[in-house]
PDB file of N, CA and C in Angstrom:
ATOM      1  N   UNK A   1     -19.068  95.147 -57.283  1.00  0.00           N
ATOM      2  CA  UNK A   1     -20.499  95.786 -56.270  1.00  0.00           C
ATOM      3  C   UNK A   1     -19.799  97.096 -55.923  1.00  0.00           C
ATOM      4  N   UNK A   2     -21.399  97.294 -55.918  1.00  0.00           N
ATOM      5  CA  UNK A   2     -21.251  99.049 -55.665  1.00  0.00           C
ATOM      6  C   UNK A   2     -22.470  99.427 -54.824  1.00  0.00           C
ATOM      7  N   UNK A   3     -22.276 100.214 -53.821  1.00  0.00           N
ATOM      8  CA  UNK A   3     -23.759 101.026 -53.001  1.00  0.00           C
ATOM      9  C   UNK A   3     -23.964 102.246 -53.037  1.00  0.00           C
ATOM     10  N   UNK A   4     -25.283 102.578 -52.944  1.00  0.00           N
ATOM     11  CA  UNK A   4     -25.872 103.812 -53.282  1.00  0.00           C
ATOM     12  C   UNK A   4     -26.654 103.859 -52.253  1.00  0.00           C
ATOM     13  N   UNK A   5     -26.678 105.501 -51.978  1.00  0.00           N
ATOM     14  CA  UNK A   5     -27.641 105.529 -50.867  1.00  0.00           C
ATOM     15  C   UNK A   5     -28.310 106.649 -50.786  1.00  0.00           C
ATOM     16  N   UNK A   6     -29.710 106.294 -51.164  1.00  0.00           N
ATOM     17  CA  UNK A   6     -30.560 107.240 -51.614  1.00  0.00           C
ATOM     18  C   UNK A   6     -30.906 108.062 -50.097  1.00  0.00           C
ATOM     19  N   UNK A   7     -30.888 109.288 -50.085  1.00  0.00           N
ATOM     20  CA  UNK A   7     -31.440 109.876 -49.292  1.00  0.00           C
ATOM     21  C   UNK A   7     -33.204 110.959 -49.266  1.00  0.00           C
ATOM     22  N   UNK A   8     -33.965 110.068 -48.952  1.00  0.00           N
ATOM     23  CA  UNK A   8     -34.898 111.187 -49.702  1.00  0.00           C
ATOM     24  C   UNK A   8     -35.087 112.509 -48.699  1.00  0.00           C
ATOM     25  N   UNK A   9     -35.990 113.502 -48.984  1.00  0.00           N
ATOM     26  CA  UNK A   9     -36.554 114.882 -48.819  1.00  0.00           C
ATOM     27  C   UNK A   9     -36.576 114.311 -47.486  1.00  0.00           C
ATOM     28  N   UNK A  10     -37.644 113.507 -46.644  1.00  0.00           N
ATOM     29  CA  UNK A  10     -38.341 113.035 -45.665  1.00  0.00           C
ATOM     30  C   UNK A  10     -37.213 112.957 -44.778  1.00  0.00           C
ATOM     31  N   UNK A  11     -35.898 112.710 -45.370  1.00  0.00           N
ATOM     32  CA  UNK A  11     -34.578 112.463 -44.232  1.00  0.00           C
ATOM     33  C   UNK A  11     -34.735 110.742 -44.227  1.00  0.00           C
ATOM     34  N   UNK A  12     -35.317 109.234 -44.410  1.00  0.00           N
ATOM     35  CA  UNK A  12     -35.254 108.270 -44.556  1.00  0.00           C
ATOM     36  C   UNK A  12     -34.195 108.109 -45.731  1.00  0.00           C
ATOM     37  N   UNK A  13     -33.627 106.977 -45.515  1.00  0.00           N
ATOM     38  CA  UNK A  13     -32.883 106.183 -46.435  1.00  0.00           C
ATOM     39  C   UNK A  13     -32.704 105.128 -47.260  1.00  0.00           C
ATOM     40  N   UNK A  14     -32.343 105.353 -47.881  1.00  0.00           N
ATOM     41  CA  UNK A  14     -32.498 103.585 -48.705  1.00  0.00           C
ATOM     42  C   UNK A  14     -31.076 103.877 -49.519  1.00  0.00           C
ATOM     43  N   UNK A  15     -30.264 102.310 -48.822  1.00  0.00           N
ATOM     44  CA  UNK A  15     -29.057 101.603 -49.614  1.00  0.00           C
ATOM     45  C   UNK A  15     -29.380 100.578 -50.601  1.00  0.00           C
ATOM     46  N   UNK A  16     -28.843 100.709 -51.894  1.00  0.00           N
ATOM     47  CA  UNK A  16     -28.958  99.747 -52.987  1.00  0.00           C
ATOM     48  C   UNK A  16     -27.912  99.310 -53.793  1.00  0.00           C
ATOM     49  N   UNK A  17     -27.490  97.796 -53.258  1.00  0.00           N
ATOM     50  CA  UNK A  17     -26.777  97.225 -53.798  1.00  0.00           C
ATOM     51  C   UNK A  17     -26.747  96.972 -55.469  1.00  0.00           C
ATOM     52  N   UNK A  18     -25.994  97.484 -55.929  1.00  0.00           N
ATOM     53  CA  UNK A  18     -25.796  97.313 -57.840  1.00  0.00           C
ATOM     54  C   UNK A  18     -24.423  96.595 -58.301  1.00  0.00           C
ATOM     55  N   UNK A  19     -24.290  96.705 -59.216  1.00  0.00           N
ATOM     56  CA  UNK A  19     -23.022  97.257 -60.240  1.00  0.00           C
ATOM     57  C   UNK A  19     -22.406  98.401 -60.362  1.00  0.00           C
ATOM     58  N   UNK A  20     -20.982  98.119 -60.664  1.00  0.00           N
ATOM     59  CA  UNK A  20     -20.395  99.351 -60.864  1.00  0.00           C
ATOM     60  C   UNK A  20     -21.168 100.666 -61.680  1.00  0.00           C
ATOM     61  N   UNK A  21     -21.543  99.928 -62.780  1.00  0.00           N
ATOM     62  CA  UNK A  21     -21.941 100.329 -63.552  1.00  0.00           C
ATOM     63  C   UNK A  21     -23.461 101.323 -63.359  1.00  0.00           C
ATOM     64  N   UNK A  22     -24.702 100.725 -62.945  1.00  0.00           N
ATOM     65  CA  UNK A  22     -25.257 100.635 -62.552  1.00  0.00           C
ATOM     66  C   UNK A  22     -25.772 102.184 -61.577  1.00  0.00           C
ATOM     67  N   UNK A  23     -24.590 101.800 -60.992  1.00  0.00           N
ATOM     68  CA  UNK A  23     -24.059 102.970 -59.458  1.00  0.00           C
ATOM     69  C   UNK A  23     -24.322 104.185 -59.325  1.00  0.00           C
ATOM     70  N   UNK A  24     -23.083 103.816 -61.151  1.00  0.00           N
ATOM     71  CA  UNK A  24     -22.557 105.647 -61.454  1.00  0.00           C
ATOM     72  C   UNK A  24     -23.746 105.735 -62.114  1.00  0.00           C
ATOM     73  N   UNK A  25     -24.438 105.529 -63.066  1.00  0.00           N
ATOM     74  CA  UNK A  25     -25.378 105.593 -63.529  1.00  0.00           C
ATOM     75  C   UNK A  25     -27.048 106.642 -62.960  1.00  0.00           C
ATOM     76  N   UNK A  26     -27.342 105.950 -61.994  1.00  0.00           N
ATOM     77  CA  UNK A  26     -27.997 106.509 -60.592  1.00  0.00           C
ATOM     78  C   UNK A  26     -27.573 107.764 -60.095  1.00  0.00           C
ATOM     79  N   UNK A  27     -26.229 107.936 -59.720  1.00  0.00           N
ATOM     80  CA  UNK A  27     -25.698 109.355 -59.578  1.00  0.00           C
ATOM     81  C   UNK A  27     -25.762 109.786 -60.422  1.00  0.00           C
ATOM     82  N   UNK A  28     -25.406 109.142 -61.858  1.00  0.00           N
ATOM     83  CA  UNK A  28     -25.073 110.431 -62.472  1.00  0.00           C
ATOM     84  C   UNK A  28     -26.655 110.881 -63.406  1.00  0.00           C
ATOM     85  N   UNK A  29     -27.512 110.081 -63.136  1.00  0.00           N
ATOM     86  CA  UNK A  29     -29.200 110.697 -63.586  1.00  0.00           C
ATOM     87  C   UNK A  29     -29.906 111.353 -62.573  1.00  0.00           C
ATOM     88  N   UNK A  30     -29.198 111.636 -61.253  1.00  0.00           N
ATOM     89  CA  UNK A  30     -30.008 112.483 -60.053  1.00  0.00           C
ATOM     90  C   UNK A  30     -29.327 114.210 -60.564  1.00  0.00           C
ATOM     91  N   UNK A  31     -27.750 113.521 -61.133  1.00  0.00           N
ATOM     92  CA  UNK A  31     -26.835 115.128 -60.953  1.00  0.00           C
ATOM     93  C   UNK A  31     -27.985 115.502 -62.679  1.00  0.00           C
ATOM     94  N   UNK A  32     -27.677 115.134 -63.494  1.00  0.00           N
ATOM     95  CA  UNK A  32     -28.596 115.702 -64.360  1.00  0.00           C
ATOM     96  C   UNK A  32     -29.864 116.139 -63.951  1.00  0.00           C
ATOM     97  N   UNK A  33     -30.325 115.853 -62.925  1.00  0.00           N
ATOM     98  CA  UNK A  33     -31.922 116.130 -62.765  1.00  0.00           C
ATOM     99  C   UNK A  33     -31.972 117.676 -61.931  1.00  0.00           C
ATOM    100  N   UNK A  34     -30.544 117.691 -61.242  1.00  0.00           N
ATOM    101  CA  UNK A  34     -30.578 118.855 -60.538  1.00  0.00           C
ATOM    102  C   UNK A  34     -30.095 119.664 -61.354  1.00  0.00           C
ATOM    103  N   UNK A  35     -29.398 119.373 -62.369  1.00  0.00           N
ATOM    104  CA  UNK A  35     -28.955 120.887 -62.944  1.00  0.00           C
ATOM    105  C   UNK A  35     -29.518 121.022 -63.889  1.00  0.00           C
ATOM    106  N   UNK A  36     -30.253 119.878 -64.546  1.00  0.00           N
ATOM    107  CA  UNK A  36     -31.655 120.322 -65.846  1.00  0.00           C
ATOM    108  C   UNK A  36     -32.955 121.010 -64.999  1.00  0.00           C
ATOM    109  N   UNK A  37     -33.329 120.173 -63.869  1.00  0.00           N
ATOM    110  CA  UNK A  37     -34.752 120.143 -63.379  1.00  0.00           C
ATOM    111  C   UNK A  37     -35.961 119.709 -64.523  1.00  0.00           C
ATOM    112  N   UNK A  38     -35.372 118.470 -64.662  1.00  0.00           N
ATOM    113  CA  UNK A  38     -35.559 117.925 -66.372  1.00  0.00           C
ATOM    114  C   UNK A  38     -36.286 116.231 -65.357  1.00  0.00           C
ATOM    115  N   UNK A  39     -37.174 115.890 -65.838  1.00  0.00           N
ATOM    116  CA  UNK A  39     -38.120 114.720 -65.441  1.00  0.00           C
ATOM    117  C   UNK A  39     -36.893 113.535 -66.232  1.00  0.00           C
ATOM    118  N   UNK A  40     -36.167 112.701 -65.721  1.00  0.00           N
ATOM    119  CA  UNK A  40     -35.862 111.472 -66.070  1.00  0.00           C
ATOM    120  C   UNK A  40     -36.534 110.055 -66.086  1.00  0.00           C
ATOM    121  N   UNK A  41     -36.281 109.542 -66.287  1.00  0.00           N
ATOM    122  CA  UNK A  41     -36.578 107.622 -65.985  1.00  0.00           C
ATOM    123  C   UNK A  41     -35.733 107.608 -65.143  1.00  0.00           C
ATOM    124  N   UNK A  42     -37.575 107.181 -64.013  1.00  0.00           N
ATOM    125  CA  UNK A  42     -37.029 106.558 -62.790  1.00  0.00           C
ATOM    126  C   UNK A  42     -37.172 105.556 -62.383  1.00  0.00           C
ATOM    127  N   UNK A  43     -37.248 104.899 -63.314  1.00  0.00           N
ATOM    128  CA  UNK A  43     -37.087 103.347 -63.250  1.00  0.00           C
ATOM    129  C   UNK A  43     -35.616 102.871 -63.585  1.00  0.00           C
ATOM    130  N   UNK A  44     -35.297 102.125 -62.719  1.00  0.00           N
ATOM    131  CA  UNK A  44     -33.174 101.300 -62.766  1.00  0.00           C
ATOM    132  C   UNK A  44     -34.177  99.831 -62.307  1.00  0.00           C
ATOM    133  N   UNK A  45     -33.124  99.653 -63.819  1.00  0.00           N
ATOM    134  CA  UNK A  45     -33.431  98.177 -64.261  1.00  0.00           C
ATOM    135  C   UNK A  45     -31.857  97.299 -63.375  1.00  0.00           C
ATOM    136  N   UNK A  46     -31.804  96.871 -62.102  1.00  0.00           N
ATOM    137  CA  UNK A  46     -30.903  96.341 -61.550  1.00  0.00           C
ATOM    138  C   UNK A  46     -30.696  94.484 -61.856  1.00  0.00           C
ATOM    139  N   UNK A  47     -31.471  94.092 -61.564  1.00  0.00           N
ATOM    140  CA  UNK A  47     -31.248  92.522 -62.457  1.00  0.00           C
ATOM    141  C   UNK A  47     -32.191  91.903 -63.296  1.00  0.00           C
ATOM    142  N   UNK A  48     -32.508  91.544 -64.035  1.00  0.00           N
ATOM    143  CA  UNK A  48     -33.594  91.203 -65.455  1.00  0.00           C
ATOM    144  C   UNK A  48     -34.981  90.718 -64.136  1.00  0.00           C
ATOM    145  N   UNK A  49     -34.925  90.618 -63.195  1.00  0.00           N
ATOM    146  CA  UNK A  49     -36.224  90.395 -62.230  1.00  0.00           C
ATOM    147  C   UNK A  49     -36.103  91.507 -61.158  1.00  0.00           C
ATOM    148  N   UNK A  50     -35.454  91.953 -60.762  1.00  0.00           N
ATOM    149  CA  UNK A  50     -35.042  93.231 -59.781  1.00  0.00           C
ATOM    150  C   UNK A  50     -35.596  94.870 -60.237  1.00  0.00           C
ATOM    151  N   UNK A  51     -36.188  95.603 -60.089  1.00  0.00           N
ATOM    152  CA  UNK A  51     -35.948  97.262 -60.578  1.00  0.00           C
ATOM    153  C   UNK A  51     -36.355  97.174 -59.346  1.00  0.00           C
ATOM    154  N   UNK A  52     -35.826  99.412 -59.466  1.00  0.00           N
ATOM    155  CA  UNK A  52     -36.344 100.097 -58.447  1.00  0.00           C
ATOM    156  C   UNK A  52     -36.987 101.403 -59.224  1.00  0.00           C
ATOM    157  N   UNK A  53     -37.773 101.681 -58.373  1.00  0.00           N
ATOM    158  CA  UNK A  53     -38.457 103.495 -58.835  1.00  0.00           C
ATOM    159  C   UNK A  53     -37.750 104.469 -58.487  1.00  0.00           C
ATOM    160  N   UNK A  54     -37.216 105.689 -58.597  1.00  0.00           N
ATOM    161  CA  UNK A  54     -36.806 106.847 -57.507  1.00  0.00           C
ATOM    162  C   UNK A  54     -37.558 108.089 -58.035  1.00  0.00           C
ATOM    163  N   UNK A  55     -38.316 108.941 -57.421  1.00  0.00           N
ATOM    164  CA  UNK A  55     -38.128 109.997 -57.646  1.00  0.00           C
ATOM    165  C   UNK A  55     -38.027 111.533 -57.100  1.00  0.00           C
ATOM    166  N   UNK A  56     -36.762 111.504 -58.213  1.00  0.00           N
ATOM    167  CA  UNK A  56     -35.983 112.382 -57.984  1.00  0.00           C
ATOM    168  C   UNK A  56     -36.382 113.737 -57.671  1.00  0.00           C
ATOM    169  N   UNK A  57     -38.395 113.965 -58.007  1.00  0.00           N
ATOM    170  CA  UNK A  57     -38.524 114.777 -57.600  1.00  0.00           C
ATOM    171  C   UNK A  57     -38.931 115.078 -55.672  1.00  0.00           C
ATOM    172  N   UNK A  58     -38.594 114.014 -55.055  1.00  0.00           N
ATOM    173  CA  UNK A  58     -38.546 114.037 -53.523  1.00  0.00           C
ATOM    174  C   UNK A  58     -37.424 113.351 -53.047  1.00  0.00           C
ATOM    175  N   UNK A  59     -36.442 113.320 -54.135  1.00  0.00           N
ATOM    176  CA  UNK A  59     -34.884 112.667 -53.758  1.00  0.00           C
ATOM    177  C   UNK A  59     -34.078 114.011 -52.767  1.00  0.00           C
ATOM    178  N   UNK A  60     -33.335 113.484 -51.721  1.00  0.00           N
ATOM    179  CA  UNK A  60     -32.793 115.033 -51.571  1.00  0.00           C
ATOM    180  C   UNK A  60     -30.764 114.809 -52.068  1.00  0.00           C
ATOM    181  N   UNK A  61     -30.621 113.181 -52.018  1.00  0.00           N
ATOM    182  CA  UNK A  61     -29.140 113.087 -52.147  1.00  0.00           C
ATOM    183  C   UNK A  61     -29.141 111.917 -52.669  1.00  0.00           C
ATOM    184  N   UNK A  62     -28.336 111.448 -53.988  1.00  0.00           N
ATOM    185  CA  UNK A  62     -27.816 110.423 -54.492  1.00  0.00           C
ATOM    186  C   UNK A  62     -26.197 110.360 -54.283  1.00  0.00           C
ATOM    187  N   UNK A  63     -26.072 109.174 -53.770  1.00  0.00           N
ATOM    188  CA  UNK A  63     -24.770 108.728 -53.336  1.00  0.00           C
ATOM    189  C   UNK A  63     -23.745 107.254 -53.672  1.00  0.00           C
ATOM    190  N   UNK A  64     -22.714 107.417 -54.057  1.00  0.00           N
ATOM    191  CA  UNK A  64     -22.219 106.405 -53.935  1.00  0.00           C
ATOM    192  C   UNK A  64     -21.263 105.883 -52.927  1.00  0.00           C
ATOM    193  N   UNK A  65     -21.719 104.935 -52.085  1.00  0.00           N
ATOM    194  CA  UNK A  65     -20.834 105.157 -50.975  1.00  0.00           C
ATOM    195  C   UNK A  65     -19.758 104.647 -50.995  1.00  0.00           C
ATOM    196  N   UNK A  66     -19.387 103.125 -52.015  1.00  0.00           N
ATOM    197  CA  UNK A  66     -18.572 102.458 -52.295  1.00  0.00           C
ATOM    198  C   UNK A  66     -18.487 102.342 -53.851  1.00  0.00           C
TER     199      UNK A  66
END
């Protein structure tokens, strides 16, 4: 398991506990958004019954904590 910290432009932050692969994918997706300024898929499926929606245009930092 891995912990991803999503920090919004407003300064608020959200911690997401997920698998190593999903955590790495979330960080990489944000990096691609920042590098290319292109809108990517905002919904991330965590488990068959859970997903999150991250609007990268309102996000300052996405980082893997562990």
